[in-house]
Protein backbone atom coordinates (compact mmCIF):
# COMPACT_ATOMS: atom_id res chain seq x y z
CA MET A 1 48.04 8.84 26.88
CA ASN A 2 46.24 7.28 23.92
CA THR A 3 44.60 4.33 25.70
CA PRO A 4 42.23 1.88 23.97
CA ALA A 5 39.36 3.32 26.04
CA ALA A 6 40.17 6.86 24.89
CA ALA A 7 40.41 5.75 21.27
CA ALA A 8 37.07 3.91 21.47
CA ALA A 9 35.35 6.90 23.08
CA ARG A 10 36.79 9.24 20.45
CA GLU A 11 35.70 6.97 17.56
CA SER A 12 32.19 6.70 18.97
CA ALA A 13 31.94 10.49 19.31
CA VAL A 14 33.11 11.08 15.74
CA LYS A 15 30.59 8.57 14.35
CA SER A 16 27.68 10.26 16.16
CA GLY A 17 27.33 12.89 13.40
CA PHE A 18 28.27 15.72 15.76
CA ARG A 19 31.84 16.91 15.09
CA HIS A 20 33.37 18.56 18.15
CA GLN A 21 36.84 20.12 17.86
CA GLY A 22 38.94 22.28 20.15
CA CYS A 23 41.66 24.74 19.22
CA LEU A 24 44.20 26.77 21.20
CA TYR A 25 45.38 30.22 20.12
CA GLY A 26 47.65 32.78 21.72
CA SER A 27 47.34 35.86 19.52
CA ASP A 28 44.86 37.68 17.28
CA ALA A 29 46.72 36.35 14.24
CA GLU A 30 46.39 32.76 15.46
CA PHE A 31 42.68 33.24 16.09
CA LEU A 32 42.16 34.53 12.55
CA ALA A 33 44.29 31.74 11.05
CA MET A 34 41.92 29.24 12.65
CA ALA A 35 38.56 31.01 12.42
CA VAL A 36 38.66 32.55 8.92
CA PRO A 37 39.34 29.30 6.97
CA PHE A 38 36.70 27.47 9.04
CA ALA A 39 34.07 30.11 8.22
CA GLU A 40 35.06 30.65 4.59
CA ASP A 41 35.14 26.92 3.83
CA GLY A 42 31.64 26.60 5.25
CA LEU A 43 30.38 29.46 3.10
CA ARG A 44 31.94 27.94 -0.04
CA ARG A 45 30.18 24.65 0.67
CA GLY A 46 26.83 26.35 1.27
CA GLU A 47 26.85 25.44 4.97
CA PRO A 48 25.28 27.94 7.40
CA VAL A 49 27.91 29.35 9.74
CA LEU A 50 27.35 30.66 13.27
CA VAL A 51 30.14 32.39 15.19
CA THR A 52 29.66 33.04 18.90
CA THR A 53 32.74 34.62 20.43
CA PRO A 54 33.69 37.70 22.50
CA ALA A 55 33.01 41.05 20.82
CA ALA A 56 36.71 41.78 20.15
CA ASN A 57 37.03 38.64 18.04
CA LEU A 58 33.84 39.42 16.15
CA ARG A 59 35.37 42.77 15.18
CA LEU A 60 38.55 41.02 14.02
CA LEU A 61 36.58 38.64 11.80
CA HIS A 62 34.57 41.47 10.26
CA ALA A 63 37.71 43.50 9.53
CA VAL A 64 39.40 40.58 7.74
CA MET A 65 36.44 38.94 5.98
CA GLY A 66 34.77 42.13 4.81
CA ALA A 67 31.45 41.54 3.01
CA ASP A 68 31.66 37.77 3.64
CA ALA A 69 31.25 38.47 7.33
CA ASP A 70 27.71 39.66 6.61
CA ARG A 71 26.85 36.11 5.45
CA ILE A 72 27.69 34.69 8.86
CA ALA A 73 25.34 34.59 11.86
CA VAL A 74 27.17 36.12 14.82
CA ALA A 75 26.50 36.46 18.53
CA GLU A 76 28.56 37.37 21.56
CA SER A 77 29.28 34.31 23.69
CA ASP A 78 26.98 35.31 26.56
CA TYR A 79 23.97 35.07 24.23
CA PHE A 80 23.67 31.31 24.70
CA GLY A 81 23.29 31.38 28.48
CA ARG A 82 25.12 29.67 31.32
CA ARG A 83 23.66 26.18 31.71
CA PRO A 84 24.54 23.26 29.44
CA SER A 85 20.87 22.69 28.60
CA GLN A 86 20.54 26.32 27.43
CA VAL A 87 23.63 26.23 25.23
CA ALA A 88 22.94 22.81 23.71
CA GLY A 89 19.28 23.71 23.19
CA ALA A 90 20.19 26.91 21.34
CA LEU A 91 22.58 25.01 19.07
CA ARG A 92 20.04 22.28 18.33
CA ARG A 93 17.46 24.91 17.41
CA TYR A 94 19.95 26.64 15.12
CA TRP A 95 20.72 23.35 13.37
CA GLY A 96 17.02 22.52 13.10
CA ARG A 97 16.24 25.87 11.45
CA HIS A 98 19.12 25.85 8.98
CA ARG A 99 20.06 22.26 8.11
CA SER A 100 17.60 22.18 5.20
CA THR A 101 19.53 24.99 3.48
CA ALA A 102 22.85 23.08 3.55
CA PRO A 103 23.62 20.56 0.77
CA THR A 104 24.90 18.01 3.33
CA GLY A 105 22.67 19.03 6.23
CA THR A 106 25.74 20.25 8.12
CA VAL A 107 25.93 23.59 9.91
CA ARG A 108 29.13 25.05 11.32
CA VAL A 109 29.46 26.67 14.73
CA LEU A 110 32.53 28.42 16.07
CA ALA A 111 31.78 28.70 19.80
CA GLU A 112 34.32 30.34 22.09
CA PRO A 113 33.74 30.23 25.86
CA ALA A 114 33.36 33.77 27.12
CA ARG A 115 34.19 32.84 30.72
CA ALA A 116 37.20 30.56 30.34
CA GLY A 117 39.39 33.06 32.17
CA SER A 118 36.85 34.61 34.52
CA GLY A 119 36.65 32.08 37.34
CA ASP A 120 33.68 30.27 35.78
CA GLU A 121 35.73 27.49 34.21
CA ALA A 122 33.90 24.56 35.78
CA ALA A 123 30.56 25.53 34.26
CA TRP A 124 31.98 25.75 30.73
CA GLN A 125 33.91 22.48 31.13
CA LEU A 126 30.67 20.80 32.14
CA THR A 127 28.96 22.37 29.13
CA GLU A 128 31.65 21.07 26.74
CA ALA A 129 31.21 17.54 28.09
CA GLU A 130 27.43 17.83 27.83
CA PHE A 131 27.65 18.74 24.13
CA ASN A 132 28.99 15.26 23.38
CA VAL A 133 25.72 13.81 24.69
CA ALA A 134 23.11 16.47 23.93
CA LEU A 135 24.19 17.10 20.33
CA THR A 136 24.72 13.48 19.30
CA GLY A 137 22.81 12.75 16.10
CA THR A 138 23.00 16.31 14.79
CA ARG A 139 25.19 17.31 11.87
CA ILE A 140 26.79 20.23 13.69
CA TRP A 141 30.50 20.84 13.07
CA MET A 142 31.57 22.74 16.16
CA LEU A 143 34.97 24.36 16.69
CA CYS A 144 35.73 25.68 20.20
CA PRO A 145 38.70 28.11 20.43
CA TYR A 146 40.50 28.69 23.73
CA ASP A 147 42.58 31.84 24.19
CA THR A 148 45.71 30.76 26.08
CA ARG A 149 46.37 34.40 27.05
CA ALA A 150 43.31 34.34 29.29
CA THR A 151 42.73 30.64 30.02
CA ALA A 152 44.25 28.81 32.97
CA PRO A 153 46.39 25.75 32.14
CA GLY A 154 44.02 23.50 34.08
CA VAL A 155 41.13 24.59 31.88
CA VAL A 156 43.10 23.70 28.76
CA GLU A 157 43.72 20.19 30.09
CA VAL A 158 40.06 19.64 30.89
CA ALA A 159 39.12 21.02 27.46
CA ARG A 160 41.33 18.37 25.87
CA ARG A 161 39.33 15.72 27.69
CA THR A 162 36.03 16.98 26.28
CA HIS A 163 36.93 17.33 22.57
CA PRO A 164 37.48 14.22 20.43
CA GLU A 165 39.66 16.26 18.06
CA TYR A 166 41.99 19.25 18.28
CA VAL A 167 42.93 21.55 15.40
CA VAL A 168 46.67 22.23 15.22
CA ASP A 169 48.13 24.35 12.39
CA GLY A 170 44.86 24.03 10.52
CA GLU A 171 44.76 20.23 10.69
CA PRO A 172 42.47 18.14 12.94
CA ARG A 173 44.24 15.69 15.20
CA PRO A 174 42.73 13.12 17.58
CA SER A 175 42.90 14.10 21.24
CA ALA A 176 44.53 11.24 23.15
CA GLN A 177 43.17 12.72 26.38
CA PHE A 178 39.53 12.60 25.28
CA ARG A 179 37.20 10.83 27.70
CA ALA A 180 33.74 9.40 27.28
CA PRO A 181 31.03 11.89 28.36
CA GLU A 182 30.21 9.95 31.52
CA GLU A 183 33.85 10.29 32.61
CA ALA A 184 34.14 14.01 31.91
CA ALA A 185 34.41 16.52 34.72
CA GLY A 186 31.19 17.74 36.27
CA PRO A 187 29.93 18.83 39.69
CA ALA A 188 29.37 15.28 40.89
CA ALA A 189 32.61 13.94 39.42
CA ALA A 190 34.65 16.41 41.43
CA THR A 191 33.29 15.25 44.79
CA PRO A 192 34.17 12.37 47.10
CA SER A 193 31.84 9.42 47.47
CA ARG A 194 28.81 10.16 49.57
CA THR A 195 28.55 8.62 53.01
CA GLY A 196 25.61 7.79 55.22
CA GLU A 197 26.42 10.79 57.42
CA ASP A 198 26.15 13.16 54.43
CA LEU A 199 22.68 12.04 53.37
CA PHE A 200 19.32 13.36 54.48
CA ARG A 201 16.44 10.94 54.06
CA PHE A 202 13.42 12.69 52.61
CA GLU A 203 10.21 10.94 53.66
CA GLY A 204 7.54 13.33 52.46
CA ASP A 205 8.25 16.27 54.81
CA LEU A 206 9.09 19.26 52.58
CA VAL A 207 9.68 21.57 55.55
CA ALA A 208 12.28 19.22 57.02
CA VAL A 209 14.20 18.81 53.78
CA ARG A 210 14.28 22.55 53.10
CA ARG A 211 15.55 23.16 56.64
CA HIS A 212 18.31 20.63 56.08
CA VAL A 213 19.28 22.21 52.76
CA LEU A 214 19.36 25.71 54.22
CA GLU A 215 21.54 24.58 57.12
CA ARG A 216 24.04 22.97 54.77
CA ALA A 217 24.00 25.65 52.06
CA SER A 218 23.98 28.83 54.16
CA ALA A 219 27.64 28.50 55.13
CA LEU A 220 28.69 27.97 51.52
CA LEU A 221 26.63 30.35 49.39
CA ARG A 222 27.24 34.03 48.85
CA SER A 223 24.41 35.42 50.93
CA GLU A 224 21.37 34.51 53.01
CA ASP A 225 19.13 35.44 50.06
CA THR A 226 21.04 33.08 47.76
CA ALA A 227 20.72 30.26 50.29
CA THR A 228 16.98 30.94 50.50
CA LEU A 229 16.68 30.75 46.72
CA PHE A 230 18.62 27.50 46.75
CA GLY A 231 16.16 26.13 49.31
CA ILE A 232 13.24 27.17 47.07
CA ALA A 233 14.85 25.42 44.09
CA VAL A 234 15.33 22.21 46.07
CA GLY A 235 11.81 22.48 47.45
CA GLU A 236 10.33 22.67 43.94
CA ALA A 237 12.39 19.63 42.91
CA MET A 238 11.05 17.69 45.89
CA ALA A 239 7.49 18.81 45.07
CA TYR A 240 8.07 17.59 41.52
CA LEU A 241 8.99 14.15 42.85
CA LEU A 242 5.97 14.12 45.15
CA GLU A 243 3.63 14.94 42.26
CA HIS A 244 5.01 11.89 40.49
CA GLY A 245 4.27 9.68 43.49
CA ILE A 246 7.80 9.64 44.91
CA ASP A 247 7.83 10.33 48.64
CA ARG A 248 11.19 8.78 49.52
CA ALA A 249 14.55 10.15 48.39
CA ALA A 250 18.12 10.67 49.53
CA VAL A 251 19.23 14.31 49.62
CA TRP A 252 22.92 15.17 49.46
CA VAL A 253 24.27 18.76 49.71
CA ARG A 254 27.98 19.46 49.35
CA PRO A 255 30.54 21.82 47.77
CA ALA A 256 31.99 20.76 44.40
CA ALA A 257 33.91 22.51 41.62
CA GLY A 258 33.29 25.98 43.10
CA ARG A 259 29.57 25.35 43.51
CA VAL A 260 27.10 24.11 46.08
CA VAL A 261 25.50 20.99 44.63
CA CYS A 262 22.37 19.20 45.77
CA THR A 263 21.61 15.70 44.50
CA LEU A 264 18.18 14.15 45.01
CA HIS A 265 17.94 10.43 44.31
CA SER A 266 14.98 8.09 44.44
CA GLU A 267 15.12 4.40 43.61
CA ARG A 268 11.84 4.87 41.72
CA PRO A 269 11.96 6.41 38.23
CA VAL A 270 9.76 9.25 36.99
CA ALA A 271 7.74 8.34 33.92
CA GLY A 272 8.03 10.72 30.97
CA PRO A 273 10.34 13.70 30.37
CA ALA A 274 11.29 16.29 32.96
CA PHE A 275 9.74 19.66 32.20
CA TYR A 276 12.01 22.63 32.62
CA GLY A 277 13.07 25.46 30.36
CA PRO A 278 10.91 28.18 28.76
CA ARG A 279 7.90 26.03 27.83
CA ALA A 280 7.56 24.53 31.32
CA ALA A 281 6.13 27.77 32.73
CA ALA A 282 2.89 27.28 30.81
CA ARG A 283 2.56 23.57 31.57
CA PRO A 284 -0.05 22.58 34.19
CA GLY A 285 1.13 20.91 37.37
CA THR A 286 4.49 21.03 39.13
CA THR A 287 7.49 21.43 36.83
CA LEU A 288 11.14 22.33 37.35
CA TRP A 289 10.77 25.75 35.75
CA MET A 290 11.65 27.73 38.89
CA THR A 291 14.52 25.39 39.76
CA ASP A 292 15.94 25.88 36.27
CA ARG A 293 15.60 29.67 36.54
CA ILE A 294 17.31 29.85 39.94
CA CYS A 295 20.17 27.41 39.49
CA GLU A 296 23.27 27.61 37.37
CA TRP A 297 23.20 23.87 36.68
CA LEU A 298 20.27 21.46 36.52
CA ASP A 299 20.31 17.88 35.31
CA VAL A 300 17.55 15.27 35.49
CA SER A 301 17.94 11.59 34.70
CA SER A 302 15.42 8.79 35.14
CA ASP A 303 15.81 5.14 34.21
CA THR A 304 15.49 1.69 35.74
CA ALA A 305 18.04 2.66 38.42
CA GLY A 306 15.74 5.43 39.66
CA CYS A 307 15.43 9.20 39.31
CA THR A 308 18.24 11.63 40.05
CA ILE A 309 17.92 15.42 40.07
CA GLU A 310 21.11 17.43 40.47
CA LEU A 311 21.24 21.21 40.81
CA ALA A 312 23.95 23.68 41.68
CA MET A 313 24.64 27.33 42.50
CA ARG A 314 27.95 29.17 42.75
CA GLN A 315 29.76 28.80 46.05
CA ARG A 316 30.76 31.81 48.11
CA PRO A 317 34.48 32.50 47.60
CA ALA A 318 36.80 32.06 50.54
CA GLU A 319 37.55 35.23 52.48
CA VAL A 320 41.00 36.73 51.97
CA PRO A 321 42.72 37.37 55.34
CA HIS A 322 43.09 41.06 56.10
CA PRO A 323 46.73 42.23 56.41
CA GLY A 324 47.74 42.48 60.03
CA ARG A 325 45.01 40.18 61.31
CA GLY A 326 46.14 37.12 63.20
C-alpha cells in the first residue's frame, strides 16, 4: 500500500545520493536482461562498475559481454562478508577509491545476495536495510537482484520493504512497500517487547552477567563451544562499557529471527565512536574487536538516550522428530 509515510521515506532515501534498487528474476535470460544493460550503461558513462554475484552468474555475464566484462570489477557474493558493517564498509571503500575516476562521482554496484535461499535470509534482509543508513551520502547506484527460483516468497516481501525502487522490465518503479530504515526488519524488530522478568541488571559484576548469558544462550545455540564464545563476546562488550565508566546496564538475551540476540543498554552514553572491525585490534584499551569477530551481527549506538550494544549469533535449529518416536 502506497501510504504517505512510505512515499516520504522513499523520497528521503532517493535524495540521499545513494540509489538502492531491487530486481526479481526467474531465469538466466531475465538475469542477463537486467544485469547487462546496467553494466554496459555504466561503462558507456565512464562509471566504475562492480558486480558481486554467485559464480554461475559471473560466468553468464562474461559469456555475453565478452571483452567488456574485463572492464568490470567482479567478486563472488561471499567476498563481502556476513555482517552489515562488513558489506557496507567494503562498498564505501570501493566508492572512495573509484569515485574520482567517474565524471559524475557515481559508481555502480550490482550486488546479489548469495544466501537468499540458504536459510540465512534474516541476515541479508538486515544488511539491505542497513545499506539505506550506512551508505547515505555516497553516490553509489546499487542494484540488488533476487533469484525467485531460489528465494523464499517471504524474503521477496521483506526485500521490497528495504529498496526504495524496483526495476521491472528495465524500468525503475517506486516500491510502495518501502519502509524507513528504522522500521525495517532486524533482530530486535522481530522480538516481543522486553519485560522486567527478561532483563538482567548488570551492576559491575562481569562473572554474574556472563553466567546469566550462558544460562540463557546454551539452550538456544548450536553447541556448548558456541555458547561459550557468545559469553566471551558479551563479556568483552561489558568490559568495553566498564572502561568507559559505565557500570550499570540492562542485559536482555532472547531468540529472534533465527538468532540468539543479546542487547546491552545503559542510560549513559559512550563518548566517541565504537571501535570494532580490522583496525580495532591495534588500538590500545578495550575495543569490540573480539565481539565483532565472534558474532554474526554487531550494532552499537550511543546518543542522549544512552548506549545500546546489540550482538547476535545463529540459533540452533529445532530437532526433527525421529520417525517412530513418540
